[in-house]
Amino acid sequence: MLKISKPRRISLSLKTGGLLRTLTAPSVLATAGLLDGKRATSFPAALNNFPNVNLQAAAVVEDGKLITSRGPGTAMDFALTLLERLLGAAKRVEVEAGLVR
């Protein structure tokens, strides 16, 4: 079982220096120009008006320190991707093994 104390969670968040967004929140990043030239995904049609975003149909998309996902239905994949980024592939496999998917 994964147990992380609150201070550890905070330090992991600061350590990544990345951006994490799901559902329509990627459109906020796109409006600010932070997704220009980046691969990203979001809720269907949320990024259609942003031609500088390399829109992907995948559930979760990583581009450098940027991680985006399509929405609530992809929350588990989003969480596992974040877990892998922060704690490594072995920890992701360990946690995912206990999930019913």
C-alpha atoms as a PDB file:
ATOM      1  CA  MET A   1       0.000   0.000   0.000  1.00  0.00           C
ATOM      2  CA  LEU A   2       1.286   3.454  -0.920  1.00  0.00           C
ATOM      3  CA  LYS A   3       1.619   5.781   2.049  1.00  0.00           C
ATOM      4  CA  ILE A   4       2.986   9.271   1.674  1.00  0.00           C
ATOM      5  CA  SER A   5       3.021  11.760   4.502  1.00  0.00           C
ATOM      6  CA  LYS A   6       1.672  15.237   3.873  1.00  0.00           C
ATOM      7  CA  PRO A   7       5.129  16.906   3.815  1.00  0.00           C
ATOM      8  CA  ARG A   8       6.273  14.287   1.301  1.00  0.00           C
ATOM      9  CA  ARG A   9       3.277  15.014  -0.947  1.00  0.00           C
ATOM     10  CA  ILE A  10       4.133  18.701  -0.888  1.00  0.00           C
ATOM     11  CA  SER A  11       7.798  18.088  -1.686  1.00  0.00           C
ATOM     12  CA  LEU A  12       6.856  15.741  -4.542  1.00  0.00           C
ATOM     13  CA  SER A  13       4.563  18.406  -5.988  1.00  0.00           C
ATOM     14  CA  LEU A  14       7.301  21.004  -5.831  1.00  0.00           C
ATOM     15  CA  LYS A  15       9.922  18.582  -7.141  1.00  0.00           C
ATOM     16  CA  THR A  16       8.137  17.951 -10.438  1.00  0.00           C
ATOM     17  CA  GLY A  17       7.837  21.592 -11.451  1.00  0.00           C
ATOM     18  CA  GLY A  18       5.277  20.380 -13.963  1.00  0.00           C
ATOM     19  CA  LEU A  19       1.774  21.199 -15.016  1.00  0.00           C
ATOM     20  CA  LEU A  20      -1.034  18.719 -14.512  1.00  0.00           C
ATOM     21  CA  ARG A  21      -4.474  19.359 -15.958  1.00  0.00           C
ATOM     22  CA  THR A  22      -7.555  17.312 -16.747  1.00  0.00           C
ATOM     23  CA  LEU A  23     -11.020  17.781 -18.284  1.00  0.00           C
ATOM     24  CA  THR A  24     -11.352  21.326 -19.686  1.00  0.00           C
ATOM     25  CA  ALA A  25      -8.550  22.839 -17.588  1.00  0.00           C
ATOM     26  CA  PRO A  26      -6.115  22.376 -20.501  1.00  0.00           C
ATOM     27  CA  SER A  27      -8.085  25.124 -22.282  1.00  0.00           C
ATOM     28  CA  VAL A  28      -6.991  27.530 -19.525  1.00  0.00           C
ATOM     29  CA  LEU A  29      -3.373  26.633 -20.257  1.00  0.00           C
ATOM     30  CA  ALA A  30      -3.987  26.973 -24.009  1.00  0.00           C
ATOM     31  CA  THR A  31      -5.539  30.417 -23.573  1.00  0.00           C
ATOM     32  CA  ALA A  32      -2.386  31.498 -21.738  1.00  0.00           C
ATOM     33  CA  GLY A  33      -0.264  30.105 -24.605  1.00  0.00           C
ATOM     34  CA  LEU A  34       1.321  27.457 -22.390  1.00  0.00           C
ATOM     35  CA  LEU A  35       0.296  24.640 -24.737  1.00  0.00           C
ATOM     36  CA  ASP A  36       1.595  26.246 -27.946  1.00  0.00           C
ATOM     37  CA  GLY A  37       3.611  23.630 -29.807  1.00  0.00           C
ATOM     38  CA  LYS A  38       2.867  21.005 -27.132  1.00  0.00           C
ATOM     39  CA  ARG A  39       1.058  17.686 -27.356  1.00  0.00           C
ATOM     40  CA  ALA A  40      -2.032  17.710 -25.131  1.00  0.00           C
ATOM     41  CA  THR A  41      -5.472  16.214 -24.667  1.00  0.00           C
ATOM     42  CA  SER A  42      -8.670  17.387 -22.983  1.00  0.00           C
ATOM     43  CA  PHE A  43     -12.393  16.863 -22.860  1.00  0.00           C
ATOM     44  CA  PRO A  44     -13.563  16.474 -26.496  1.00  0.00           C
ATOM     45  CA  ALA A  45     -13.743  19.788 -28.352  1.00  0.00           C
ATOM     46  CA  ALA A  46     -12.283  21.834 -25.447  1.00  0.00           C
ATOM     47  CA  LEU A  47      -9.096  22.560 -27.405  1.00  0.00           C
ATOM     48  CA  ASN A  48     -10.574  22.775 -30.910  1.00  0.00           C
ATOM     49  CA  ASN A  49     -10.092  26.562 -31.066  1.00  0.00           C
ATOM     50  CA  PHE A  50      -6.380  26.382 -30.301  1.00  0.00           C
ATOM     51  CA  PRO A  51      -4.553  25.600 -33.564  1.00  0.00           C
ATOM     52  CA  ASN A  52      -1.099  25.840 -31.941  1.00  0.00           C
ATOM     53  CA  VAL A  53      -1.834  22.855 -29.689  1.00  0.00           C
ATOM     54  CA  ASN A  54      -0.906  19.428 -31.046  1.00  0.00           C
ATOM     55  CA  LEU A  55      -4.199  17.821 -29.987  1.00  0.00           C
ATOM     56  CA  GLN A  56      -4.037  14.097 -29.215  1.00  0.00           C
ATOM     57  CA  ALA A  57      -6.913  11.631 -28.766  1.00  0.00           C
ATOM     58  CA  ALA A  58      -5.115   9.612 -26.078  1.00  0.00           C
ATOM     59  CA  ALA A  59      -6.525   9.327 -22.548  1.00  0.00           C
ATOM     60  CA  VAL A  60      -3.366  10.823 -21.029  1.00  0.00           C
ATOM     61  CA  VAL A  61      -0.666  12.784 -22.837  1.00  0.00           C
ATOM     62  CA  GLU A  62       2.780  13.664 -21.508  1.00  0.00           C
ATOM     63  CA  ASP A  63       4.905  16.319 -23.168  1.00  0.00           C
ATOM     64  CA  GLY A  64       7.961  17.179 -21.120  1.00  0.00           C
ATOM     65  CA  LYS A  65       6.751  18.284 -17.695  1.00  0.00           C
ATOM     66  CA  LEU A  66       3.198  18.694 -18.972  1.00  0.00           C
ATOM     67  CA  ILE A  67       0.603  15.983 -18.286  1.00  0.00           C
ATOM     68  CA  THR A  68      -2.972  16.352 -19.541  1.00  0.00           C
ATOM     69  CA  SER A  69      -5.930  13.967 -19.599  1.00  0.00           C
ATOM     70  CA  ARG A  70      -9.317  13.868 -21.265  1.00  0.00           C
ATOM     71  CA  GLY A  71     -11.524  13.988 -18.187  1.00  0.00           C
ATOM     72  CA  PRO A  72     -13.211  12.028 -15.390  1.00  0.00           C
ATOM     73  CA  GLY A  73     -13.229   8.739 -17.285  1.00  0.00           C
ATOM     74  CA  THR A  74      -9.453   8.864 -17.561  1.00  0.00           C
ATOM     75  CA  ALA A  75      -8.787   9.861 -13.945  1.00  0.00           C
ATOM     76  CA  MET A  76      -7.291   6.476 -13.027  1.00  0.00           C
ATOM     77  CA  ASP A  77      -4.863   6.556 -15.953  1.00  0.00           C
ATOM     78  CA  PHE A  78      -4.016  10.168 -15.110  1.00  0.00           C
ATOM     79  CA  ALA A  79      -3.304   9.250 -11.484  1.00  0.00           C
ATOM     80  CA  LEU A  80      -1.173   6.255 -12.443  1.00  0.00           C
ATOM     81  CA  THR A  81       0.829   8.367 -14.890  1.00  0.00           C
ATOM     82  CA  LEU A  82       1.440  10.939 -12.181  1.00  0.00           C
ATOM     83  CA  LEU A  83       2.407   8.200  -9.717  1.00  0.00           C
ATOM     84  CA  GLU A  84       4.898   6.780 -12.205  1.00  0.00           C
ATOM     85  CA  ARG A  85       6.366  10.216 -12.872  1.00  0.00           C
ATOM     86  CA  LEU A  86       6.825  10.917  -9.162  1.00  0.00           C
ATOM     87  CA  LEU A  87       7.733   7.516  -7.742  1.00  0.00           C
ATOM     88  CA  GLY A  88       8.826   5.396 -10.709  1.00  0.00           C
ATOM     89  CA  ALA A  89       7.483   2.612 -12.889  1.00  0.00           C
ATOM     90  CA  ALA A  90       7.889  -0.070 -10.228  1.00  0.00           C
ATOM     91  CA  LYS A  91       5.591   1.814  -7.840  1.00  0.00           C
ATOM     92  CA  ARG A  92       3.021   2.261 -10.613  1.00  0.00           C
ATOM     93  CA  VAL A  93       3.055  -1.476 -11.317  1.00  0.00           C
ATOM     94  CA  GLU A  94       2.705  -2.213  -7.587  1.00  0.00           C
ATOM     95  CA  VAL A  95      -0.283   0.092  -7.165  1.00  0.00           C
ATOM     96  CA  GLU A  96      -1.934  -0.887 -10.449  1.00  0.00           C
ATOM     97  CA  ALA A  97      -1.724  -4.585  -9.559  1.00  0.00           C
ATOM     98  CA  GLY A  98      -4.184  -3.992  -6.720  1.00  0.00           C
ATOM     99  CA  LEU A  99      -6.743  -2.200  -8.888  1.00  0.00           C
ATOM    100  CA  VAL A 100      -9.840  -3.684 -10.460  1.00  0.00           C
ATOM    101  CA  ARG A 101     -10.034  -2.189 -13.951  1.00  0.00           C
END
